[in-house]
Amino acid sequence: MLRTDRLVLERWDEARLEEFVVLCADPEVMRFIGLGVTWDRARAEEASVRALERWREFGFGRRSLIEDGRWLGFVEINLVGPGVAGVEPDEVEIGWWLARSAWGKGFATEGACAIRDEGFERVGLERLIGRFQPANVASGRIMEKLGMRYERESTGRHDEPLSIYGSRPFDLAPGP
């Protein structure tokens, strides 16, 4: 478990499935994820199972963001996997999905700083990347706050446009 000033970051757990299903069904949350469409329950369940498997296989992954007992969404470090142009599948990325009620309050930045530090310190990563659809300017701002730097444009698994940012431990910003 990780802690910040306001948040507890819990390792991904089946207990958060119902909240995750609701998050995946929100069109505003999913607008900049892949094709920009909501996920049904079966797809959300499959993604949750994969997140649990990644923890077992790699020892890192998705963490729930909890504020005063309330689930806000998640942050994660994760293998990119195949299909992102110009990015090796074994590169590790940082990402986050938050419920709309948590937007604009600094929770994504705060949680991402904590998981970024975990990636560099506990996991021993030498580099993290971030990818986002250029229209999602809020995610771009968070990446800059994390000390990440723009690297290039790319395309994702569904040919969606992506901006790629990167960071190494010496790039670290102090936090939110």
N, C-alpha and C. Protein backbone atom coordinates (compact mmCIF):
# COMPACT_ATOMS: atom_id res chain seq x y z
N MET A 1 0.85 -1.18 0.00
CA MET A 1 0.00 0.00 0.00
C MET A 1 0.89 1.24 0.00
N LEU A 2 0.50 2.23 -0.78
CA LEU A 2 1.19 3.52 -0.81
C LEU A 2 0.26 4.57 -0.22
N ARG A 3 0.85 5.61 0.34
CA ARG A 3 0.06 6.72 0.89
C ARG A 3 0.64 8.04 0.41
N THR A 4 -0.25 8.99 0.20
CA THR A 4 0.13 10.37 -0.08
C THR A 4 -0.56 11.24 0.97
N ASP A 5 -0.49 12.53 0.80
CA ASP A 5 -1.15 13.42 1.76
C ASP A 5 -2.65 13.14 1.87
N ARG A 6 -3.30 12.87 0.73
CA ARG A 6 -4.75 12.69 0.74
C ARG A 6 -5.21 11.29 0.37
N LEU A 7 -4.34 10.48 -0.19
CA LEU A 7 -4.76 9.24 -0.83
C LEU A 7 -4.10 8.00 -0.24
N VAL A 8 -4.82 6.91 -0.34
CA VAL A 8 -4.27 5.58 -0.15
C VAL A 8 -4.31 4.92 -1.51
N LEU A 9 -3.20 4.32 -1.93
CA LEU A 9 -3.11 3.61 -3.21
C LEU A 9 -3.01 2.13 -2.91
N GLU A 10 -4.12 1.42 -3.10
CA GLU A 10 -4.19 0.00 -2.80
C GLU A 10 -3.91 -0.83 -4.04
N ARG A 11 -3.19 -1.92 -3.85
CA ARG A 11 -2.97 -2.87 -4.93
C ARG A 11 -4.32 -3.32 -5.48
N TRP A 12 -4.40 -3.51 -6.80
CA TRP A 12 -5.67 -3.88 -7.45
C TRP A 12 -6.23 -5.13 -6.79
N ASP A 13 -7.56 -5.13 -6.63
CA ASP A 13 -8.23 -6.18 -5.89
C ASP A 13 -9.62 -6.40 -6.50
N GLU A 14 -10.09 -7.63 -6.45
CA GLU A 14 -11.43 -7.95 -6.98
C GLU A 14 -12.53 -7.15 -6.28
N ALA A 15 -12.26 -6.69 -5.07
CA ALA A 15 -13.27 -5.96 -4.31
C ALA A 15 -13.68 -4.66 -4.99
N ARG A 16 -12.87 -4.15 -5.92
CA ARG A 16 -13.18 -2.88 -6.59
C ARG A 16 -13.84 -3.08 -7.95
N LEU A 17 -14.21 -4.32 -8.26
CA LEU A 17 -14.77 -4.61 -9.59
C LEU A 17 -16.02 -3.78 -9.89
N GLU A 18 -16.96 -3.70 -8.96
CA GLU A 18 -18.21 -2.99 -9.25
C GLU A 18 -17.94 -1.51 -9.57
N GLU A 19 -17.05 -0.89 -8.82
CA GLU A 19 -16.72 0.51 -9.08
C GLU A 19 -16.03 0.65 -10.44
N PHE A 20 -15.17 -0.32 -10.78
CA PHE A 20 -14.48 -0.30 -12.07
C PHE A 20 -15.49 -0.46 -13.22
N VAL A 21 -16.46 -1.33 -13.06
CA VAL A 21 -17.50 -1.52 -14.09
C VAL A 21 -18.22 -0.20 -14.35
N VAL A 22 -18.56 0.51 -13.28
CA VAL A 22 -19.24 1.81 -13.42
C VAL A 22 -18.33 2.81 -14.13
N LEU A 23 -17.06 2.85 -13.78
CA LEU A 23 -16.10 3.75 -14.42
C LEU A 23 -16.03 3.48 -15.93
N CYS A 24 -15.95 2.20 -16.30
CA CYS A 24 -15.84 1.81 -17.71
C CYS A 24 -17.11 2.11 -18.51
N ALA A 25 -18.22 2.29 -17.83
CA ALA A 25 -19.49 2.57 -18.50
C ALA A 25 -19.74 4.07 -18.67
N ASP A 26 -18.85 4.91 -18.17
CA ASP A 26 -19.03 6.36 -18.25
C ASP A 26 -18.43 6.87 -19.56
N PRO A 27 -19.26 7.39 -20.47
CA PRO A 27 -18.74 7.84 -21.76
C PRO A 27 -17.71 8.96 -21.66
N GLU A 28 -17.82 9.83 -20.67
CA GLU A 28 -16.84 10.91 -20.52
C GLU A 28 -15.48 10.37 -20.06
N VAL A 29 -15.49 9.41 -19.17
CA VAL A 29 -14.24 8.79 -18.72
C VAL A 29 -13.57 8.07 -19.88
N MET A 30 -14.35 7.37 -20.68
CA MET A 30 -13.82 6.51 -21.74
C MET A 30 -13.55 7.26 -23.05
N ARG A 31 -13.89 8.51 -23.09
CA ARG A 31 -13.77 9.31 -24.33
C ARG A 31 -12.39 9.24 -24.95
N PHE A 32 -11.32 9.21 -24.15
CA PHE A 32 -9.95 9.21 -24.68
C PHE A 32 -9.23 7.89 -24.45
N ILE A 33 -9.98 6.82 -24.21
CA ILE A 33 -9.41 5.49 -24.04
C ILE A 33 -9.67 4.70 -25.31
N GLY A 34 -8.60 4.31 -26.02
CA GLY A 34 -8.75 3.50 -27.23
C GLY A 34 -9.68 4.15 -28.24
N LEU A 35 -10.75 3.43 -28.58
CA LEU A 35 -11.72 3.91 -29.56
C LEU A 35 -12.68 4.95 -29.00
N GLY A 36 -12.60 5.21 -27.71
CA GLY A 36 -13.47 6.21 -27.10
C GLY A 36 -14.87 5.71 -26.81
N VAL A 37 -15.03 4.40 -26.67
CA VAL A 37 -16.35 3.83 -26.39
C VAL A 37 -16.34 3.19 -25.01
N THR A 38 -17.53 3.11 -24.42
CA THR A 38 -17.65 2.48 -23.11
C THR A 38 -17.44 0.97 -23.23
N TRP A 39 -17.12 0.39 -22.09
CA TRP A 39 -16.93 -1.06 -22.02
C TRP A 39 -18.12 -1.68 -21.29
N ASP A 40 -18.54 -2.85 -21.77
CA ASP A 40 -19.57 -3.58 -21.04
C ASP A 40 -18.95 -4.31 -19.86
N ARG A 41 -19.79 -4.92 -19.07
CA ARG A 41 -19.33 -5.60 -17.85
C ARG A 41 -18.30 -6.68 -18.16
N ALA A 42 -18.53 -7.47 -19.20
CA ALA A 42 -17.61 -8.56 -19.53
C ALA A 42 -16.22 -8.04 -19.84
N ARG A 43 -16.14 -6.95 -20.59
CA ARG A 43 -14.84 -6.39 -20.93
C ARG A 43 -14.16 -5.80 -19.69
N ALA A 44 -14.92 -5.15 -18.84
CA ALA A 44 -14.35 -4.60 -17.60
C ALA A 44 -13.85 -5.73 -16.71
N GLU A 45 -14.62 -6.81 -16.60
CA GLU A 45 -14.18 -7.95 -15.79
C GLU A 45 -12.89 -8.54 -16.34
N GLU A 46 -12.82 -8.68 -17.65
CA GLU A 46 -11.60 -9.21 -18.30
C GLU A 46 -10.39 -8.32 -18.00
N ALA A 47 -10.57 -7.01 -18.09
CA ALA A 47 -9.48 -6.08 -17.81
C ALA A 47 -9.05 -6.16 -16.34
N SER A 48 -10.01 -6.35 -15.46
CA SER A 48 -9.69 -6.46 -14.04
C SER A 48 -8.88 -7.73 -13.77
N VAL A 49 -9.27 -8.83 -14.39
CA VAL A 49 -8.53 -10.09 -14.23
C VAL A 49 -7.11 -9.93 -14.75
N ARG A 50 -6.95 -9.28 -15.91
CA ARG A 50 -5.60 -9.05 -16.46
C ARG A 50 -4.75 -8.20 -15.51
N ALA A 51 -5.38 -7.21 -14.88
CA ALA A 51 -4.64 -6.36 -13.92
C ALA A 51 -4.14 -7.20 -12.74
N LEU A 52 -4.95 -8.12 -12.26
CA LEU A 52 -4.53 -9.01 -11.18
C LEU A 52 -3.40 -9.92 -11.63
N GLU A 53 -3.50 -10.45 -12.84
CA GLU A 53 -2.46 -11.33 -13.37
C GLU A 53 -1.13 -10.60 -13.52
N ARG A 54 -1.18 -9.34 -13.95
CA ARG A 54 0.07 -8.56 -14.11
C ARG A 54 0.77 -8.37 -12.77
N TRP A 55 -0.01 -8.14 -11.70
CA TRP A 55 0.61 -8.03 -10.38
C TRP A 55 1.36 -9.31 -10.03
N ARG A 56 0.70 -10.44 -10.26
CA ARG A 56 1.33 -11.73 -9.93
C ARG A 56 2.57 -11.98 -10.79
N GLU A 57 2.50 -11.61 -12.06
CA GLU A 57 3.62 -11.89 -12.97
C GLU A 57 4.77 -10.92 -12.81
N PHE A 58 4.50 -9.62 -12.64
CA PHE A 58 5.55 -8.60 -12.68
C PHE A 58 5.83 -7.92 -11.34
N GLY A 59 4.90 -8.03 -10.39
CA GLY A 59 5.11 -7.40 -9.10
C GLY A 59 4.81 -5.91 -9.08
N PHE A 60 4.12 -5.43 -10.10
CA PHE A 60 3.66 -4.04 -10.13
C PHE A 60 2.43 -3.99 -11.01
N GLY A 61 1.74 -2.84 -10.96
CA GLY A 61 0.54 -2.72 -11.79
C GLY A 61 -0.40 -1.64 -11.31
N ARG A 62 -1.66 -1.96 -11.40
CA ARG A 62 -2.73 -1.01 -11.11
C ARG A 62 -2.94 -0.88 -9.61
N ARG A 63 -3.21 0.37 -9.18
CA ARG A 63 -3.53 0.65 -7.78
C ARG A 63 -4.79 1.52 -7.73
N SER A 64 -5.72 1.13 -6.87
CA SER A 64 -6.92 1.93 -6.63
C SER A 64 -6.54 3.20 -5.88
N LEU A 65 -7.17 4.29 -6.24
CA LEU A 65 -7.01 5.57 -5.53
C LEU A 65 -8.17 5.71 -4.56
N ILE A 66 -7.86 5.82 -3.28
CA ILE A 66 -8.88 5.91 -2.24
C ILE A 66 -8.67 7.20 -1.46
N GLU A 67 -9.74 7.97 -1.33
CA GLU A 67 -9.70 9.17 -0.48
C GLU A 67 -10.80 9.03 0.56
N ASP A 68 -10.42 9.01 1.82
CA ASP A 68 -11.39 8.87 2.92
C ASP A 68 -12.37 7.72 2.67
N GLY A 69 -11.87 6.59 2.23
CA GLY A 69 -12.69 5.41 1.99
C GLY A 69 -13.43 5.41 0.67
N ARG A 70 -13.35 6.48 -0.10
CA ARG A 70 -14.07 6.59 -1.37
C ARG A 70 -13.14 6.23 -2.52
N TRP A 71 -13.58 5.31 -3.40
CA TRP A 71 -12.81 4.89 -4.57
C TRP A 71 -12.93 5.96 -5.64
N LEU A 72 -11.80 6.47 -6.12
CA LEU A 72 -11.79 7.55 -7.11
C LEU A 72 -11.45 7.07 -8.52
N GLY A 73 -10.84 5.90 -8.63
CA GLY A 73 -10.34 5.40 -9.90
C GLY A 73 -9.04 4.68 -9.65
N PHE A 74 -8.13 4.73 -10.62
CA PHE A 74 -6.86 4.04 -10.44
C PHE A 74 -5.73 4.76 -11.15
N VAL A 75 -4.53 4.43 -10.72
CA VAL A 75 -3.29 4.77 -11.42
C VAL A 75 -2.56 3.45 -11.63
N GLU A 76 -1.67 3.42 -12.63
CA GLU A 76 -0.94 2.17 -12.84
C GLU A 76 0.36 2.40 -13.58
N ILE A 77 1.27 1.46 -13.37
CA ILE A 77 2.41 1.27 -14.25
C ILE A 77 2.21 -0.11 -14.84
N ASN A 78 2.44 -0.21 -16.15
CA ASN A 78 2.00 -1.38 -16.88
C ASN A 78 2.83 -1.53 -18.15
N LEU A 79 3.03 -2.76 -18.61
CA LEU A 79 3.66 -2.95 -19.92
C LEU A 79 2.74 -2.41 -21.01
N VAL A 80 3.32 -1.72 -21.97
CA VAL A 80 2.52 -1.13 -23.05
C VAL A 80 1.83 -2.22 -23.87
N GLY A 81 2.55 -3.28 -24.19
CA GLY A 81 1.99 -4.34 -25.04
C GLY A 81 2.07 -3.97 -26.50
N PRO A 82 1.65 -4.86 -27.37
CA PRO A 82 1.77 -4.63 -28.81
C PRO A 82 0.77 -3.61 -29.34
N GLY A 83 1.13 -3.02 -30.48
CA GLY A 83 0.18 -2.22 -31.22
C GLY A 83 0.33 -0.72 -31.15
N VAL A 84 1.31 -0.20 -30.40
CA VAL A 84 1.52 1.24 -30.35
C VAL A 84 2.74 1.55 -31.23
N ALA A 85 2.53 2.31 -32.28
CA ALA A 85 3.57 2.57 -33.27
C ALA A 85 4.80 3.20 -32.63
N GLY A 86 5.97 2.59 -32.89
CA GLY A 86 7.23 3.14 -32.41
C GLY A 86 7.52 2.91 -30.94
N VAL A 87 6.70 2.11 -30.27
CA VAL A 87 6.90 1.83 -28.86
C VAL A 87 7.06 0.32 -28.70
N GLU A 88 8.11 -0.09 -28.02
CA GLU A 88 8.34 -1.52 -27.81
C GLU A 88 7.29 -2.06 -26.83
N PRO A 89 6.77 -3.26 -27.08
CA PRO A 89 5.73 -3.83 -26.21
C PRO A 89 6.16 -4.00 -24.75
N ASP A 90 7.47 -4.13 -24.50
CA ASP A 90 7.92 -4.34 -23.12
C ASP A 90 8.27 -3.04 -22.41
N GLU A 91 8.04 -1.89 -23.06
CA GLU A 91 8.22 -0.62 -22.35
C GLU A 91 7.14 -0.50 -21.29
N VAL A 92 7.45 0.23 -20.23
CA VAL A 92 6.50 0.39 -19.13
C VAL A 92 5.91 1.79 -19.19
N GLU A 93 4.59 1.84 -19.08
CA GLU A 93 3.89 3.12 -19.13
C GLU A 93 3.20 3.42 -17.81
N ILE A 94 2.91 4.67 -17.63
CA ILE A 94 2.14 5.14 -16.49
C ILE A 94 0.80 5.65 -17.02
N GLY A 95 -0.24 5.42 -16.25
CA GLY A 95 -1.56 5.88 -16.69
C GLY A 95 -2.52 6.00 -15.53
N TRP A 96 -3.69 6.54 -15.80
CA TRP A 96 -4.71 6.76 -14.77
C TRP A 96 -6.06 6.91 -15.42
N TRP A 97 -7.07 6.45 -14.72
CA TRP A 97 -8.47 6.68 -15.05
C TRP A 97 -9.14 7.10 -13.76
N LEU A 98 -9.84 8.22 -13.78
CA LEU A 98 -10.54 8.69 -12.59
C LEU A 98 -12.01 8.94 -12.87
N ALA A 99 -12.83 8.72 -11.86
CA ALA A 99 -14.25 9.05 -11.95
C ALA A 99 -14.38 10.56 -12.14
N ARG A 100 -15.39 10.97 -12.87
CA ARG A 100 -15.58 12.40 -13.13
C ARG A 100 -15.64 13.22 -11.84
N SER A 101 -16.20 12.67 -10.79
CA SER A 101 -16.30 13.42 -9.53
C SER A 101 -14.93 13.75 -8.94
N ALA A 102 -13.88 13.08 -9.41
CA ALA A 102 -12.53 13.31 -8.90
C ALA A 102 -11.70 14.20 -9.82
N TRP A 103 -12.23 14.59 -10.96
CA TRP A 103 -11.48 15.40 -11.92
C TRP A 103 -11.21 16.80 -11.38
N GLY A 104 -10.07 17.35 -11.77
CA GLY A 104 -9.74 18.74 -11.47
C GLY A 104 -9.35 19.02 -10.03
N LYS A 105 -9.07 18.00 -9.25
CA LYS A 105 -8.75 18.17 -7.83
C LYS A 105 -7.33 17.75 -7.51
N GLY A 106 -6.53 17.41 -8.52
CA GLY A 106 -5.14 17.03 -8.30
C GLY A 106 -4.92 15.59 -7.90
N PHE A 107 -5.99 14.78 -7.86
CA PHE A 107 -5.84 13.39 -7.45
C PHE A 107 -5.02 12.57 -8.43
N ALA A 108 -5.22 12.79 -9.73
CA ALA A 108 -4.45 12.03 -10.72
C ALA A 108 -2.96 12.34 -10.59
N THR A 109 -2.63 13.61 -10.46
CA THR A 109 -1.23 13.99 -10.31
C THR A 109 -0.64 13.41 -9.02
N GLU A 110 -1.36 13.51 -7.94
CA GLU A 110 -0.87 13.02 -6.65
C GLU A 110 -0.65 11.50 -6.69
N GLY A 111 -1.62 10.77 -7.23
CA GLY A 111 -1.49 9.33 -7.33
C GLY A 111 -0.41 8.92 -8.32
N ALA A 112 -0.34 9.63 -9.44
CA ALA A 112 0.67 9.30 -10.46
C ALA A 112 2.08 9.56 -9.94
N CYS A 113 2.27 10.61 -9.16
CA CYS A 113 3.60 10.86 -8.56
C CYS A 113 4.00 9.69 -7.67
N ALA A 114 3.06 9.20 -6.88
CA ALA A 114 3.36 8.09 -5.97
C ALA A 114 3.70 6.82 -6.74
N ILE A 115 2.94 6.51 -7.77
CA ILE A 115 3.21 5.27 -8.51
C ILE A 115 4.43 5.41 -9.40
N ARG A 116 4.69 6.62 -9.89
CA ARG A 116 5.93 6.86 -10.64
C ARG A 116 7.13 6.60 -9.75
N ASP A 117 7.10 7.14 -8.53
CA ASP A 117 8.20 6.93 -7.59
C ASP A 117 8.35 5.45 -7.25
N GLU A 118 7.24 4.76 -7.08
CA GLU A 118 7.30 3.32 -6.83
C GLU A 118 7.99 2.61 -8.00
N GLY A 119 7.64 3.01 -9.21
CA GLY A 119 8.25 2.39 -10.39
C GLY A 119 9.76 2.57 -10.43
N PHE A 120 10.22 3.76 -10.16
CA PHE A 120 11.66 4.02 -10.20
C PHE A 120 12.38 3.47 -8.98
N GLU A 121 11.76 3.58 -7.81
CA GLU A 121 12.46 3.21 -6.57
C GLU A 121 12.31 1.73 -6.23
N ARG A 122 11.09 1.25 -6.03
CA ARG A 122 10.90 -0.14 -5.62
C ARG A 122 11.09 -1.12 -6.78
N VAL A 123 10.47 -0.80 -7.92
CA VAL A 123 10.53 -1.71 -9.06
C VAL A 123 11.88 -1.62 -9.77
N GLY A 124 12.52 -0.45 -9.72
CA GLY A 124 13.84 -0.28 -10.35
C GLY A 124 13.79 0.02 -11.84
N LEU A 125 12.70 0.61 -12.30
CA LEU A 125 12.59 0.96 -13.71
C LEU A 125 13.60 2.05 -14.06
N GLU A 126 14.10 1.99 -15.27
CA GLU A 126 15.02 3.02 -15.76
C GLU A 126 14.30 4.07 -16.59
N ARG A 127 13.07 3.77 -17.00
CA ARG A 127 12.32 4.68 -17.86
C ARG A 127 10.84 4.36 -17.76
N LEU A 128 10.04 5.39 -17.86
CA LEU A 128 8.59 5.28 -17.97
C LEU A 128 8.15 6.09 -19.18
N ILE A 129 7.13 5.61 -19.87
CA ILE A 129 6.51 6.44 -20.89
C ILE A 129 5.07 6.71 -20.49
N GLY A 130 4.51 7.70 -21.12
CA GLY A 130 3.09 8.00 -20.99
C GLY A 130 2.56 8.24 -22.38
N ARG A 131 1.33 7.86 -22.62
CA ARG A 131 0.71 8.10 -23.92
C ARG A 131 -0.70 8.59 -23.70
N PHE A 132 -1.09 9.53 -24.52
CA PHE A 132 -2.44 10.06 -24.41
C PHE A 132 -2.87 10.62 -25.75
N GLN A 133 -4.17 10.67 -25.96
CA GLN A 133 -4.69 11.29 -27.17
C GLN A 133 -4.54 12.79 -27.04
N PRO A 134 -3.99 13.46 -28.07
CA PRO A 134 -3.66 14.89 -27.96
C PRO A 134 -4.82 15.77 -27.51
N ALA A 135 -6.04 15.38 -27.80
CA ALA A 135 -7.18 16.19 -27.36
C ALA A 135 -7.37 16.13 -25.84
N ASN A 136 -6.76 15.16 -25.19
CA ASN A 136 -6.87 15.02 -23.74
C ASN A 136 -5.75 15.85 -23.07
N VAL A 137 -5.91 17.15 -23.14
CA VAL A 137 -4.86 18.05 -22.67
C VAL A 137 -4.60 17.92 -21.16
N ALA A 138 -5.61 17.52 -20.40
CA ALA A 138 -5.42 17.36 -18.95
C ALA A 138 -4.37 16.28 -18.67
N SER A 139 -4.41 15.18 -19.41
CA SER A 139 -3.40 14.13 -19.20
C SER A 139 -2.02 14.63 -19.58
N GLY A 140 -1.93 15.42 -20.63
CA GLY A 140 -0.64 16.00 -21.02
C GLY A 140 -0.07 16.88 -19.93
N ARG A 141 -0.91 17.67 -19.30
CA ARG A 141 -0.46 18.54 -18.20
C ARG A 141 0.04 17.71 -17.02
N ILE A 142 -0.66 16.62 -16.72
CA ILE A 142 -0.22 15.76 -15.62
C ILE A 142 1.15 15.18 -15.93
N MET A 143 1.35 14.72 -17.15
CA MET A 143 2.65 14.15 -17.51
C MET A 143 3.77 15.17 -17.34
N GLU A 144 3.50 16.40 -17.72
CA GLU A 144 4.51 17.45 -17.53
C GLU A 144 4.77 17.68 -16.05
N LYS A 145 3.72 17.67 -15.22
CA LYS A 145 3.90 17.84 -13.78
C LYS A 145 4.73 16.70 -13.18
N LEU A 146 4.68 15.53 -13.80
CA LEU A 146 5.45 14.38 -13.34
C LEU A 146 6.92 14.45 -13.75
N GLY A 147 7.27 15.45 -14.56
CA GLY A 147 8.63 15.56 -15.06
C GLY A 147 8.84 14.84 -16.38
N MET A 148 7.74 14.41 -17.01
CA MET A 148 7.85 13.74 -18.30
C MET A 148 8.00 14.78 -19.39
N ARG A 149 8.67 14.36 -20.46
CA ARG A 149 8.91 15.26 -21.59
C ARG A 149 8.35 14.69 -22.87
N TYR A 150 7.82 15.59 -23.69
CA TYR A 150 7.28 15.18 -25.00
C TYR A 150 8.39 14.53 -25.82
N GLU A 151 8.05 13.41 -26.46
CA GLU A 151 9.01 12.73 -27.33
C GLU A 151 8.56 12.71 -28.79
N ARG A 152 7.33 12.33 -29.04
CA ARG A 152 6.89 12.20 -30.44
C ARG A 152 5.39 11.92 -30.52
N GLU A 153 4.89 12.01 -31.72
CA GLU A 153 3.52 11.59 -32.01
C GLU A 153 3.55 10.13 -32.45
N SER A 154 2.45 9.44 -32.26
CA SER A 154 2.35 8.03 -32.59
C SER A 154 0.89 7.70 -32.89
N THR A 155 0.63 6.42 -33.07
CA THR A 155 -0.75 5.95 -33.20
C THR A 155 -0.90 4.72 -32.31
N GLY A 156 -2.12 4.53 -31.82
CA GLY A 156 -2.41 3.41 -30.93
C GLY A 156 -2.94 2.19 -31.65
N ARG A 157 -3.38 1.25 -30.89
CA ARG A 157 -3.87 -0.04 -31.42
C ARG A 157 -5.03 0.12 -32.39
N HIS A 158 -5.78 1.19 -32.24
CA HIS A 158 -6.96 1.42 -33.09
C HIS A 158 -6.72 2.58 -34.05
N ASP A 159 -5.45 2.87 -34.31
CA ASP A 159 -5.03 3.98 -35.18
C ASP A 159 -5.40 5.35 -34.63
N GLU A 160 -5.70 5.43 -33.33
CA GLU A 160 -5.98 6.72 -32.72
C GLU A 160 -4.67 7.48 -32.56
N PRO A 161 -4.69 8.80 -32.74
CA PRO A 161 -3.46 9.58 -32.57
C PRO A 161 -3.05 9.61 -31.10
N LEU A 162 -1.74 9.54 -30.87
CA LEU A 162 -1.21 9.57 -29.50
C LEU A 162 -0.02 10.51 -29.43
N SER A 163 0.15 11.14 -28.30
CA SER A 163 1.38 11.85 -27.95
C SER A 163 2.12 10.97 -26.96
N ILE A 164 3.41 10.80 -27.17
CA ILE A 164 4.24 9.97 -26.31
C ILE A 164 5.15 10.88 -25.49
N TYR A 165 5.14 10.67 -24.18
CA TYR A 165 6.03 11.38 -23.26
C TYR A 165 6.93 10.34 -22.60
N GLY A 166 8.10 10.76 -22.12
CA GLY A 166 9.00 9.85 -21.45
C GLY A 166 9.66 10.50 -20.26
N SER A 167 10.15 9.64 -19.36
CA SER A 167 10.81 10.12 -18.15
C SER A 167 11.79 9.08 -17.65
N ARG A 168 12.86 9.56 -17.06
CA ARG A 168 13.83 8.71 -16.36
C ARG A 168 13.90 9.24 -14.92
N PRO A 169 14.48 8.48 -14.00
CA PRO A 169 14.49 8.93 -12.59
C PRO A 169 15.05 10.33 -12.37
N PHE A 170 16.03 10.73 -13.14
CA PHE A 170 16.63 12.06 -12.94
C PHE A 170 15.76 13.18 -13.44
N ASP A 171 14.64 12.86 -14.14
CA ASP A 171 13.70 13.87 -14.63
C ASP A 171 12.64 14.23 -13.60
N LEU A 172 12.65 13.56 -12.47
CA LEU A 172 11.53 13.64 -11.53
C LEU A 172 11.21 15.06 -11.11
N ALA A 173 9.93 15.36 -11.20
CA ALA A 173 9.40 16.59 -10.62
C ALA A 173 9.11 16.29 -9.16
N PRO A 174 9.13 17.27 -8.30
CA PRO A 174 8.96 17.01 -6.87
C PRO A 174 7.59 16.47 -6.47
N GLY A 175 6.57 16.63 -7.27
CA GLY A 175 5.24 16.17 -6.90
C GLY A 175 4.23 17.27 -7.07
N PRO A 176 2.99 16.99 -6.71
CA PRO A 176 1.90 17.97 -6.96
C PRO A 176 2.05 19.24 -6.13
